[in-house]
Protein backbone atom coordinates (compact mmCIF):
# COMPACT_ATOMS: atom_id res chain seq x y z
CA MET A 1 -15.32 -8.00 72.95
CA PRO A 2 -11.65 -7.35 72.16
CA ARG A 3 -10.38 -3.94 72.09
CA LYS A 4 -9.23 -4.26 68.12
CA ALA A 5 -12.92 -4.82 67.10
CA LEU A 6 -14.02 -1.82 69.41
CA HIS A 7 -11.56 0.28 67.31
CA GLY A 8 -12.75 -1.13 64.24
CA LEU A 9 -16.71 -0.33 65.24
CA LEU A 10 -15.55 3.40 64.96
CA LEU A 11 -15.04 3.44 61.44
CA LEU A 12 -18.67 2.25 61.11
CA LEU A 13 -19.78 5.83 62.41
CA PRO A 14 -18.86 7.83 59.37
CA PHE A 15 -20.28 5.41 57.57
CA ILE A 16 -23.66 5.22 59.13
CA ALA A 17 -23.80 9.36 59.25
CA LEU A 18 -23.41 9.47 55.82
CA LEU A 19 -25.76 7.12 54.82
CA TRP A 20 -28.70 8.87 57.17
CA VAL A 21 -29.28 11.49 54.33
CA GLY A 22 -32.24 12.38 55.81
CA LEU A 23 -30.51 13.85 58.68
CA PHE A 24 -28.45 16.36 56.95
CA ASN A 25 -30.23 17.27 53.49
CA ARG A 26 -31.45 20.53 54.07
CA ALA A 27 -30.19 23.93 52.70
CA GLN A 28 -31.29 25.34 56.23
CA PRO A 29 -29.41 26.23 58.79
CA ALA A 30 -26.52 27.99 57.28
CA PHE A 31 -23.20 28.05 58.85
CA LEU A 32 -21.59 31.30 57.22
CA GLY A 33 -23.65 31.54 54.41
CA ILE A 34 -22.74 27.78 53.40
CA PRO A 35 -25.72 25.25 53.46
CA PHE A 36 -25.44 22.67 56.39
CA PHE A 37 -25.03 20.06 53.80
CA TYR A 38 -21.74 20.90 52.98
CA VAL A 39 -20.90 21.91 56.40
CA TRP A 40 -22.27 18.28 57.59
CA MET A 41 -19.96 16.87 54.70
CA CYS A 42 -17.09 18.84 55.35
CA LEU A 43 -16.96 18.13 59.18
CA TRP A 44 -17.28 14.42 58.56
CA ILE A 45 -14.35 14.49 56.36
CA LEU A 46 -12.48 15.90 59.43
CA LEU A 47 -13.97 13.83 61.90
CA THR A 48 -13.19 10.45 59.66
CA ALA A 49 -9.56 11.41 59.23
CA LEU A 50 -9.57 11.70 62.90
CA LEU A 51 -11.08 8.45 64.02
CA THR A 52 -9.03 6.82 61.48
CA TRP A 53 -6.10 8.14 63.01
CA VAL A 54 -7.46 6.76 66.43
CA VAL A 55 -7.90 3.76 65.28
CA HIS A 56 -4.36 3.31 63.98
CA ARG A 57 -3.11 4.18 66.94
CA GLY A 58 -4.98 1.81 68.97
CA TRP A 59 -4.39 -1.17 66.59
CA HIS A 60 -0.94 -0.72 66.66
CA ALA A 61 -0.55 -0.18 70.84
């Protein structure tokens, strides 16, 4: 499989992680008083930005 295709597959990770609602659809455990649902969403916002940067760097390398 070409390297660019592997980089493109990295962008599927956030899509799959956020569609798997049963994994994170709960209030407990809480992190610093924030329900797990919101922590999970914020974490994936940051990870998606990081993965997009990685794919962009790999695509133009």
